[in-house]
Structures are given as C-alpha cells and as structure tokens.
Amino acid sequence: MKNLLLKLLLPLLAAAAPVAATAATQTDMFAKPGVIGDSLSHGFYGATVEKKTQDWAYPVLVTKQAGSSLSYNVLEGPYLNFEDVLKLNCGPICIASSVLGGNASTVALPTHAGITGAEYSTVLRTSGQCEDITARKQERQWYWKTWYWYTYRWVEVADCQTPDKFHQFGLRGSGTQMQIMEKVKPSFLFGSVGANHVLCTALHTSLDCLDADRFKRDFSETMRRLAAMGSLQGGVIFTVPNVTSIAYLEKYTDPQNRPEYSGLKPFYRSSVSSADQVLDANEVATIGNFLETMNNDIKSQGAAMGFAVADLKVVFDDIRENGRPITGPNGTAPGLARANWPLPNQPGLFGLDGVHPNMLGHAVFSNELIKSINAKYGYTIPAISEYSAWANDSLNRNPVDLKNFLDNNLFGQFMSWVIGVFA
C-alpha cells in the first residue's frame, strides 16, 4: 500500500517542483539562458546604455564564462555617457545622438530582457510599447441604436501609454519581460529585479516610493509564472545591497544642527535647502528595515525556486568596509578597490553616477554570482580576472575627479543637474 501511494504521489511532486529535480550538467543548464533584470543587468553606466556597457554587464559575463551566450537589442542611448563627455571623447554630434537614443542592432526575440528602471512590477506589466499592458480606461463607443438615433455607450478599452525609451529600445515589440521569458522558455534564469523597489529612496531622498505590499505581490507573481513555464533547470538571484551606502549619497550635517536637514544627501548637492533633499536618521532606519524584509523574501523564494542565492548585501558591506583586493601577475597590485568611482591611485567599482558598476565592478559582481552558482550546482565555472577588468577599465586607468569638476566648472554645474535628473 505504501509503495502504491508513493508511486501515485511522485508524479504530482515532480509536477509541483519549480525547477528540475535532478541536477543538470553545466552544458544543459546553460543551453538556453534567459535574463529578467534592471539597470544592473542592462549595463546602465552614468547615465546611458550602449553596446560596450551592455557587453560588460554581469549576465553577459557570467553566461560567457559558463560557455553560453545571450541575445539582446543593442542600444545607443538615450542620455549620456558622462565619462566620454568629460574626457572629450563625445562631441556635440555624439551628445545629440546619445540624448535621442536608438538601437544599433535588434533581435526578434531577446533572451536578455533586462531593462534600466525595471522592477518586478514592470517585469509583469511594461512592454516596449505600453507602460502598463493591464491598464484600462473608459471610452465612448458610438453606434446606431435605431435607424434614426446615433448615440454612444461607455466601453472599457486598453490604456496604452508610451513607456520610457529604455523599454522602447530594449524590448521593442517582444512584450513585457515576463512575456518574453514565457516565449523563450529558458533553461537557466538570471532573476534579480529587486533593487529599484528600494533604490528609489536614495535617488529621490524620499520614502514615498516604498511599497512592501506591491513588492511582495509582484515578486511572488513573477516567481509563480517563472515556475509555471516548466523549462527552468536553475537560476541565480541576489539580495539588494544597502542603498544608503552607495557612492551617490554622502554624509551631510546641517550648519544649524536641524536633525531633519542632516543625514545623507546626493553627492552633487553642495548644500541642503529642504528636508526633502536629505535622508535623515529615521528615514535611513526605515529603509534598512524595508531592505531586510525584502532581502529575506528574496532569499526564501529564491531558495524555494531551487536557485543559487548570492547575498550581495553582505559582499557590498564587506567591500564598503574593507575594500576589494586586486592582484595581478607577478603580485602586482593596484590597491584595494573601494565602493566608489575611481580616484587617482585609488581603484573603484562604480561609474560616475555613484550608483552603477563600472567594468571592474561588473567583473566583481559576476564573480560573486559564479561562486554562488558553482556552490549550488557543483559546477566549475571559471572566475573572471578582476585584474584584467581593472586594466581594461578606462575609468579606473584614467580617473575623473568628478567632485572637483562639479564644484569648480560651469559645465560641471550643468552636469550636476543632469545627474540629479537621470542618475
């Protein structure tokens, strides 16, 4: 009787499993990788997306190390690559072209659907053509009620508002990120789109965007639909680092010692004229509590999906505190890389917006994911040379003193405004 019951239950248990119950080989696992994601996966870099930054984004690097590849629509903007502009490598025509944006090349169905600005809510609802595919509105529909009476009735129709340019150029006509994955049916998934649910507090120095219920609802729905595809053999997901510790924010003490005017301000502001321009101690504590709850949910649901889970919050905290050693051939060492943009004789992991990784930062990021994937699935995916990434990173090899530029240059003051709008 016991054996009969077991035979009946096994098919049901197998059908309920979110990913394949048996361990796949590395080749099988990465036969068809897929990506949902945000600016970190897309390759956003102070403050634009373009081929060279897309090519060094973490999903592309990890997939390449695993012996596979991804396809994606290649962008040429919108907005500006601050490094190229400040180093005079992008003149007026280049700037105008970048601000307008467009595609350098396109694919019919991208396997990499990560988009700048995305979160789990937009993964479900925002396509390259509609800001919210679920939005509805009432519209008059005219018709002949009788042969002499032309009148109208109210009907519900789709309310398709144009999305931002990153979604337009990145997704085009393929659907939402989730719809794309349901068409691709990937074997392995990069599934992290949590950062913007809380990063918005740092970028806008406000708690208005925090919505725990929305995050939980849309994160759970995303995981449910991914599991329902039936194709996933594995994946990787990571926790969100402490957004109040990024280089975009710096400590500020109000000269009049007003507590609501002291705390963390954007680096490009020389002073604070409103409490809305700073995160005070109470707001920082609220963000920390939200982040802890969110990361616990990410870890538990990621584990339930059978994904590798990388605790990048712990990694980032360690880099923030101790730096990241970079060692090259013959023991050469450019120093400890810090959680900031590069400075003369001081390597850094971030670009000039103080939020997104540079080439070195993505290599470090990728290696932490590779460690988690290898540990979870027993693979031997090789690590990326962080020294080579540093050596080939133009910002690390030729740093820009951004603070000095912003404070002491009229164009720098204009750039401060641009950073405030687009960072």
Protein backbone atom coordinates (compact mmCIF):
# COMPACT_ATOMS: atom_id res chain seq x y z
CA MET A 1 0.00 0.00 0.00
CA LYS A 2 2.87 2.35 0.91
CA ASN A 3 4.63 1.68 -2.39
CA LEU A 4 1.41 2.26 -4.33
CA LEU A 5 0.84 5.58 -2.55
CA LEU A 6 4.41 6.64 -3.27
CA LYS A 7 4.01 5.81 -6.96
CA LEU A 8 0.87 7.94 -7.11
CA LEU A 9 2.48 10.88 -5.29
CA LEU A 10 5.80 11.03 -7.17
CA PRO A 11 4.36 12.39 -10.46
CA LEU A 12 2.42 15.03 -8.51
CA LEU A 13 5.51 16.10 -6.57
CA ALA A 14 7.56 16.27 -9.75
CA ALA A 15 4.94 18.45 -11.44
CA ALA A 16 4.88 20.83 -8.46
CA ALA A 17 8.66 21.29 -8.38
CA PRO A 18 9.67 24.80 -9.55
CA VAL A 19 12.83 23.63 -11.32
CA ALA A 20 14.15 20.26 -12.43
CA ALA A 21 14.60 17.88 -9.52
CA THR A 22 17.70 16.20 -10.96
CA ALA A 23 20.97 18.10 -11.28
CA ALA A 24 21.68 19.17 -14.88
CA THR A 25 25.12 19.33 -16.39
CA GLN A 26 26.57 22.78 -16.85
CA THR A 27 26.06 22.49 -20.60
CA ASP A 28 22.41 21.52 -20.21
CA MET A 29 21.80 24.19 -17.55
CA PHE A 30 23.12 26.97 -19.78
CA ALA A 31 21.70 25.59 -23.03
CA LYS A 32 19.26 28.50 -23.13
CA PRO A 33 19.96 31.18 -20.50
CA GLY A 34 17.47 34.00 -20.00
CA VAL A 35 17.50 37.30 -18.14
CA ILE A 36 14.95 39.46 -16.41
CA GLY A 37 16.52 42.45 -14.75
CA ASP A 38 17.05 46.16 -14.30
CA SER A 39 19.84 48.66 -14.95
CA LEU A 40 22.43 46.38 -13.32
CA SER A 41 21.71 43.63 -15.83
CA HIS A 42 21.13 46.05 -18.72
CA GLY A 43 24.52 47.76 -18.47
CA PHE A 44 23.44 51.28 -17.47
CA TYR A 45 26.54 53.40 -16.96
CA GLY A 46 26.45 57.09 -15.96
CA ALA A 47 23.94 57.76 -17.46
CA THR A 48 23.15 55.69 -20.54
CA VAL A 49 23.15 52.23 -22.11
CA GLU A 50 25.27 51.37 -25.14
CA LYS A 51 26.98 48.35 -26.66
CA LYS A 52 30.23 48.50 -24.70
CA THR A 53 28.38 48.76 -21.38
CA GLN A 54 25.87 46.05 -22.32
CA ASP A 55 28.77 43.73 -23.21
CA TRP A 56 30.30 44.02 -19.73
CA ALA A 57 27.02 43.66 -17.76
CA TYR A 58 27.02 40.77 -15.28
CA PRO A 59 24.60 38.35 -17.06
CA VAL A 60 26.65 38.58 -20.26
CA LEU A 61 29.91 37.94 -18.39
CA VAL A 62 28.63 35.03 -16.31
CA THR A 63 26.93 33.39 -19.29
CA LYS A 64 30.12 33.69 -21.34
CA GLN A 65 32.16 32.11 -18.53
CA ALA A 66 29.64 29.26 -18.45
CA GLY A 67 30.18 28.62 -22.17
CA SER A 68 26.94 30.10 -23.48
CA SER A 69 25.60 33.40 -24.78
CA LEU A 70 22.67 35.83 -24.69
CA SER A 71 20.94 37.90 -27.35
CA TYR A 72 19.65 41.44 -26.81
CA ASN A 73 18.70 44.64 -28.56
CA VAL A 74 21.79 46.86 -28.64
CA LEU A 75 21.17 50.45 -27.53
CA GLU A 76 22.78 53.76 -28.48
CA GLY A 77 21.43 55.81 -25.58
CA PRO A 78 19.27 57.59 -24.55
CA TYR A 79 21.15 60.16 -22.46
CA LEU A 80 24.90 60.49 -21.95
CA ASN A 81 27.99 58.53 -21.06
CA PHE A 82 29.46 61.00 -18.55
CA GLU A 83 32.95 59.54 -18.84
CA ASP A 84 33.12 60.01 -22.62
CA VAL A 85 31.78 63.57 -22.35
CA LEU A 86 34.14 64.62 -19.56
CA LYS A 87 37.14 63.11 -21.35
CA LEU A 88 36.10 64.92 -24.57
CA ASN A 89 35.58 61.61 -26.38
CA CYS A 90 31.99 62.57 -27.25
CA GLY A 91 31.48 65.85 -29.09
CA PRO A 92 28.30 67.78 -29.97
CA ILE A 93 27.08 65.34 -32.64
CA CYS A 94 27.77 62.37 -30.38
CA ILE A 95 25.98 64.08 -27.48
CA ALA A 96 22.93 64.90 -29.59
CA SER A 97 22.76 61.34 -30.94
CA SER A 98 23.15 59.86 -27.46
CA VAL A 99 20.44 62.03 -25.93
CA LEU A 100 17.96 60.96 -28.62
CA GLY A 101 18.92 57.31 -28.33
CA GLY A 102 18.05 54.38 -30.56
CA ASN A 103 19.14 50.88 -31.50
CA ALA A 104 22.47 49.88 -33.02
CA SER A 105 21.05 46.43 -33.76
CA THR A 106 17.93 44.43 -32.88
CA VAL A 107 16.77 40.85 -32.48
CA ALA A 108 13.30 39.39 -32.99
CA LEU A 109 13.15 37.83 -29.51
CA PRO A 110 15.86 38.77 -26.97
CA THR A 111 16.90 36.16 -24.42
CA HIS A 112 18.24 39.02 -22.28
CA ALA A 113 15.24 41.19 -21.41
CA GLY A 114 16.70 43.21 -18.51
CA ILE A 115 15.79 46.89 -18.76
CA THR A 116 17.00 50.01 -16.97
CA GLY A 117 14.47 51.27 -14.44
CA ALA A 118 12.67 47.94 -14.15
CA GLU A 119 11.32 46.30 -11.01
CA TYR A 120 9.17 43.20 -10.51
CA SER A 121 6.04 45.29 -11.14
CA THR A 122 7.24 46.41 -14.59
CA VAL A 123 8.55 42.92 -15.41
CA LEU A 124 4.89 41.89 -15.38
CA ARG A 125 3.28 44.97 -16.92
CA THR A 126 5.61 47.16 -19.02
CA SER A 127 6.36 46.27 -22.63
CA GLY A 128 8.29 48.14 -25.29
CA GLN A 129 5.01 49.64 -26.46
CA CYS A 130 2.83 50.06 -23.35
CA GLU A 131 3.71 51.42 -19.94
CA ASP A 132 1.14 49.09 -18.39
CA ILE A 133 -0.42 46.34 -20.50
CA THR A 134 -3.06 45.78 -17.80
CA ALA A 135 -4.23 49.42 -17.69
CA ARG A 136 -7.80 50.09 -18.79
CA LYS A 137 -9.90 53.20 -19.39
CA GLN A 138 -13.49 54.02 -20.30
CA GLU A 139 -14.08 55.24 -23.84
CA ARG A 140 -17.15 56.33 -25.79
CA GLN A 141 -18.25 53.91 -28.48
CA TRP A 142 -20.65 55.47 -30.99
CA TYR A 143 -23.29 53.33 -32.66
CA TRP A 144 -26.76 53.44 -34.26
CA LYS A 145 -29.24 52.47 -31.53
CA THR A 146 -32.06 52.74 -34.07
CA TRP A 147 -32.07 53.71 -37.70
CA TYR A 148 -32.51 57.36 -36.71
CA TRP A 149 -30.72 57.55 -33.35
CA TYR A 150 -26.89 57.72 -33.35
CA THR A 151 -25.63 57.58 -29.75
CA TYR A 152 -22.82 56.16 -27.63
CA ARG A 153 -22.11 53.79 -24.78
CA TRP A 154 -19.13 53.59 -22.44
CA VAL A 155 -16.83 50.60 -23.01
CA GLU A 156 -13.61 49.51 -21.35
CA VAL A 157 -10.52 49.56 -23.60
CA ALA A 158 -6.77 49.21 -23.15
CA ASP A 159 -5.00 52.34 -21.89
CA CYS A 160 -1.65 52.00 -23.66
CA GLN A 161 0.66 54.85 -22.63
CA THR A 162 4.11 55.08 -24.23
CA PRO A 163 6.82 53.68 -21.91
CA ASP A 164 10.26 55.22 -21.30
CA LYS A 165 12.90 54.98 -24.02
CA PHE A 166 14.87 52.21 -22.31
CA HIS A 167 11.83 49.94 -22.52
CA GLN A 168 11.05 51.10 -26.07
CA PHE A 169 14.55 50.36 -27.40
CA GLY A 170 15.27 47.40 -25.14
CA LEU A 171 12.07 45.39 -25.56
CA ARG A 172 10.61 46.81 -28.79
CA GLY A 173 7.67 44.65 -29.92
CA SER A 174 8.53 41.49 -27.99
CA GLY A 175 6.24 42.06 -24.99
CA THR A 176 6.95 42.51 -21.32
CA GLN A 177 9.99 40.92 -19.71
CA MET A 178 7.78 38.14 -18.38
CA GLN A 179 6.07 37.57 -21.70
CA ILE A 180 9.48 37.34 -23.37
CA MET A 181 10.66 34.70 -20.91
CA GLU A 182 7.46 32.74 -21.44
CA LYS A 183 8.27 32.71 -25.16
CA VAL A 184 11.98 31.96 -24.71
CA LYS A 185 11.44 29.23 -22.06
CA PRO A 186 14.97 29.48 -20.66
CA SER A 187 16.82 26.61 -19.00
CA PHE A 188 18.66 28.98 -16.62
CA LEU A 189 17.47 32.36 -15.35
CA PHE A 190 19.09 35.48 -14.01
CA GLY A 191 16.11 36.65 -11.97
CA SER A 192 17.02 39.73 -9.92
CA VAL A 193 14.84 42.82 -10.37
CA GLY A 194 14.52 43.95 -6.75
CA ALA A 195 16.89 46.90 -6.43
CA ASN A 196 14.60 49.66 -7.75
CA HIS A 197 11.91 48.78 -5.23
CA VAL A 198 14.19 50.41 -2.63
CA LEU A 199 16.94 52.25 -4.59
CA CYS A 200 14.32 54.88 -5.43
CA THR A 201 14.57 56.14 -1.84
CA ALA A 202 18.25 57.03 -2.30
CA LEU A 203 17.83 58.58 -5.74
CA HIS A 204 14.90 60.75 -4.66
CA THR A 205 15.83 61.14 -0.95
CA SER A 206 12.27 60.16 -0.13
CA LEU A 207 10.33 57.23 1.32
CA ASP A 208 7.29 57.83 -0.89
CA CYS A 209 8.21 55.01 -3.28
CA LEU A 210 8.40 52.27 -0.62
CA ASP A 211 5.55 49.81 -1.07
CA ALA A 212 6.06 46.49 0.69
CA ASP A 213 2.72 45.04 -0.39
CA ARG A 214 3.37 45.79 -4.06
CA PHE A 215 6.85 44.25 -3.91
CA LYS A 216 5.60 41.07 -2.23
CA ARG A 217 2.66 40.72 -4.62
CA ASP A 218 4.61 41.26 -7.83
CA PHE A 219 7.72 39.33 -6.74
CA SER A 220 5.58 36.32 -5.83
CA GLU A 221 3.62 36.55 -9.08
CA THR A 222 6.87 36.74 -11.07
CA MET A 223 8.24 33.62 -9.35
CA ARG A 224 4.93 31.81 -9.85
CA ARG A 225 4.87 32.49 -13.59
CA LEU A 226 8.53 31.55 -13.98
CA ALA A 227 7.94 28.23 -12.23
CA ALA A 228 4.87 27.59 -14.38
CA MET A 229 6.97 27.71 -17.57
CA GLY A 230 8.36 24.28 -16.75
CA SER A 231 11.63 24.86 -18.61
CA LEU A 232 13.86 26.14 -15.79
CA GLN A 233 16.56 23.84 -14.52
CA GLY A 234 18.12 26.50 -12.33
CA GLY A 235 18.91 30.16 -11.89
CA VAL A 236 20.55 32.77 -9.74
CA ILE A 237 19.11 35.61 -7.69
CA PHE A 238 20.77 38.05 -5.30
CA THR A 239 19.95 40.27 -2.37
CA VAL A 240 19.95 44.05 -2.68
CA PRO A 241 22.91 45.91 -1.12
CA ASN A 242 22.42 48.72 1.38
CA VAL A 243 21.26 51.53 -0.90
CA THR A 244 22.06 54.18 1.73
CA SER A 245 25.77 53.23 1.46
CA ILE A 246 26.21 53.80 -2.27
CA ALA A 247 28.60 56.47 -3.54
CA TYR A 248 25.64 58.54 -4.75
CA LEU A 249 24.97 59.55 -1.13
CA GLU A 250 27.31 61.32 1.27
CA LYS A 251 27.03 62.48 4.86
CA TYR A 252 25.81 66.00 5.50
CA THR A 253 25.50 67.94 8.75
CA ASP A 254 23.20 70.94 8.76
CA PRO A 255 25.07 74.11 9.90
CA GLN A 256 22.07 74.93 12.12
CA ASN A 257 22.02 71.40 13.58
CA ARG A 258 18.45 70.71 12.44
CA PRO A 259 18.10 66.90 12.56
CA GLU A 260 15.67 66.73 9.63
CA TYR A 261 18.22 68.63 7.48
CA SER A 262 21.14 66.35 8.41
CA GLY A 263 21.87 62.86 7.17
CA LEU A 264 22.61 61.67 3.62
CA LYS A 265 22.45 63.92 0.55
CA PRO A 266 23.22 63.31 -3.13
CA PHE A 267 26.92 63.87 -3.81
CA TYR A 268 26.30 66.58 -6.41
CA ARG A 269 24.50 68.91 -3.95
CA SER A 270 26.83 71.36 -2.24
CA SER A 271 24.23 72.09 0.47
CA VAL A 272 20.70 71.20 1.55
CA SER A 273 17.91 73.79 1.36
CA SER A 274 14.99 71.48 2.12
CA ALA A 275 14.40 68.43 4.30
CA ASP A 276 13.27 66.68 1.10
CA GLN A 277 16.86 66.82 -0.19
CA VAL A 278 18.29 64.61 2.56
CA LEU A 279 17.60 61.25 4.19
CA ASP A 280 17.63 61.79 7.93
CA ALA A 281 18.45 59.15 10.56
CA ASN A 282 14.83 57.99 10.93
CA GLU A 283 14.42 57.62 7.17
CA VAL A 284 17.67 55.65 6.90
CA ALA A 285 16.42 53.29 9.62
CA THR A 286 13.10 52.81 7.80
CA ILE A 287 14.93 51.97 4.58
CA GLY A 288 17.11 49.49 6.45
CA ASN A 289 14.09 47.69 7.87
CA PHE A 290 12.39 47.57 4.47
CA LEU A 291 15.57 46.23 2.88
CA GLU A 292 15.96 43.48 5.50
CA THR A 293 12.37 42.29 4.98
CA MET A 294 12.73 42.41 1.20
CA ASN A 295 16.03 40.52 1.20
CA ASN A 296 14.63 37.82 3.47
CA ASP A 297 11.80 37.35 0.98
CA ILE A 298 14.27 37.20 -1.92
CA LYS A 299 16.36 34.57 -0.15
CA SER A 300 13.41 32.39 0.84
CA GLN A 301 11.62 32.49 -2.52
CA GLY A 302 14.87 32.11 -4.44
CA ALA A 303 15.71 29.00 -2.42
CA ALA A 304 12.18 27.66 -2.93
CA MET A 305 12.68 28.03 -6.69
CA GLY A 306 15.89 25.99 -6.46
CA PHE A 307 18.01 28.98 -7.48
CA ALA A 308 21.50 29.86 -6.34
CA VAL A 309 21.17 32.80 -3.94
CA ALA A 310 24.02 35.31 -3.68
CA ASP A 311 23.98 37.56 -0.63
CA LEU A 312 25.40 40.65 -2.32
CA LYS A 313 24.38 42.83 0.60
CA VAL A 314 27.00 41.05 2.73
CA VAL A 315 29.55 41.28 -0.10
CA PHE A 316 28.92 45.00 -0.63
CA ASP A 317 29.10 45.72 3.11
CA ASP A 318 32.49 43.99 3.22
CA ILE A 319 33.79 45.96 0.22
CA ARG A 320 32.48 49.16 1.74
CA GLU A 321 34.33 48.40 4.98
CA ASN A 322 37.49 46.64 3.79
CA GLY A 323 37.83 47.19 0.03
CA ARG A 324 38.36 44.55 -2.64
CA PRO A 325 41.97 43.42 -3.21
CA ILE A 326 43.09 43.37 -6.85
CA THR A 327 46.15 41.30 -7.57
CA GLY A 328 47.73 40.92 -10.98
CA PRO A 329 50.52 38.83 -12.49
CA ASN A 330 53.74 38.63 -10.50
CA GLY A 331 51.95 40.01 -7.45
CA THR A 332 51.39 43.44 -8.94
CA ALA A 333 48.56 45.16 -7.11
CA PRO A 334 46.93 48.49 -7.97
CA GLY A 335 45.43 48.57 -4.47
CA LEU A 336 42.14 47.91 -2.75
CA ALA A 337 39.14 48.77 -4.87
CA ARG A 338 36.57 50.83 -2.98
CA ALA A 339 32.79 51.20 -3.21
CA ASN A 340 33.16 54.49 -5.05
CA TRP A 341 34.06 55.71 -8.50
CA PRO A 342 37.84 55.54 -9.18
CA LEU A 343 40.13 58.29 -7.96
CA PRO A 344 43.85 58.83 -8.73
CA ASN A 345 45.77 55.88 -7.20
CA GLN A 346 42.51 54.51 -5.77
CA PRO A 347 40.60 51.87 -7.81
CA GLY A 348 36.81 51.98 -7.62
CA LEU A 349 33.90 49.74 -8.55
CA PHE A 350 31.33 52.36 -9.61
CA GLY A 351 30.72 54.67 -12.52
CA LEU A 352 30.40 58.44 -12.28
CA ASP A 353 26.74 58.38 -11.28
CA GLY A 354 27.74 56.77 -7.97
CA VAL A 355 25.07 54.08 -8.39
CA HIS A 356 26.00 51.64 -11.17
CA PRO A 357 29.13 49.47 -11.54
CA ASN A 358 31.92 50.18 -14.00
CA MET A 359 33.71 47.41 -15.92
CA LEU A 360 35.67 46.33 -12.83
CA GLY A 361 32.52 46.46 -10.70
CA HIS A 362 30.64 44.13 -13.05
CA ALA A 363 33.57 41.67 -13.00
CA VAL A 364 33.50 41.61 -9.18
CA PHE A 365 29.72 41.30 -9.24
CA SER A 366 29.90 38.44 -11.75
CA ASN A 367 32.47 36.52 -9.73
CA GLU A 368 30.25 36.57 -6.66
CA LEU A 369 27.39 35.14 -8.73
CA ILE A 370 29.70 32.50 -10.20
CA LYS A 371 30.71 31.44 -6.68
CA SER A 372 27.06 31.03 -5.72
CA ILE A 373 26.19 29.10 -8.91
CA ASN A 374 29.19 26.77 -8.52
CA ALA A 375 28.37 26.14 -4.85
CA LYS A 376 24.70 25.46 -5.57
CA TYR A 377 25.04 23.20 -8.60
CA GLY A 378 28.54 21.76 -8.20
CA TYR A 379 29.93 23.41 -11.34
CA THR A 380 33.41 24.76 -12.04
CA ILE A 381 32.60 27.92 -13.97
CA PRO A 382 35.89 29.84 -14.07
CA ALA A 383 36.18 33.22 -12.38
CA ILE A 384 36.78 36.41 -14.34
CA SER A 385 40.15 38.10 -13.94
CA GLU A 386 39.38 41.17 -11.87
CA TYR A 387 42.87 42.46 -12.55
CA SER A 388 42.24 42.31 -16.32
CA ALA A 389 38.90 44.04 -15.81
CA TRP A 390 40.68 46.80 -13.89
CA ALA A 391 43.43 47.02 -16.54
CA ASN A 392 40.86 47.38 -19.35
CA ASP A 393 38.56 49.75 -17.46
CA SER A 394 39.15 53.20 -18.93
CA LEU A 395 37.67 54.95 -15.89
CA ASN A 396 39.96 53.08 -13.47
CA ARG A 397 43.04 53.61 -15.61
CA ASN A 398 42.28 57.29 -16.19
CA PRO A 399 40.05 58.53 -13.34
CA VAL A 400 37.97 61.69 -13.40
CA ASP A 401 37.96 63.93 -10.31
CA LEU A 402 34.20 64.34 -10.55
CA LYS A 403 33.65 66.28 -7.31
CA ASN A 404 36.21 68.90 -8.27
CA PHE A 405 34.74 69.16 -11.75
CA LEU A 406 31.19 69.60 -10.48
CA ASP A 407 32.16 72.20 -7.88
CA ASN A 408 34.50 74.34 -9.94
CA ASN A 409 33.20 74.31 -13.50
CA LEU A 410 30.09 75.87 -15.07
CA PHE A 411 29.60 72.85 -17.27
CA GLY A 412 30.08 70.78 -14.13
CA GLN A 413 27.15 72.57 -12.50
CA PHE A 414 25.05 71.68 -15.54
CA MET A 415 26.20 68.07 -15.21
CA SER A 416 25.10 68.15 -11.57
CA TRP A 417 21.60 68.94 -12.76
CA VAL A 418 21.74 66.15 -15.36
CA ILE A 419 22.87 63.64 -12.72
CA GLY A 420 20.04 64.71 -10.49
CA VAL A 421 17.52 64.01 -13.24
CA PHE A 422 18.88 60.79 -14.70
CA ALA A 423 21.14 59.05 -12.15
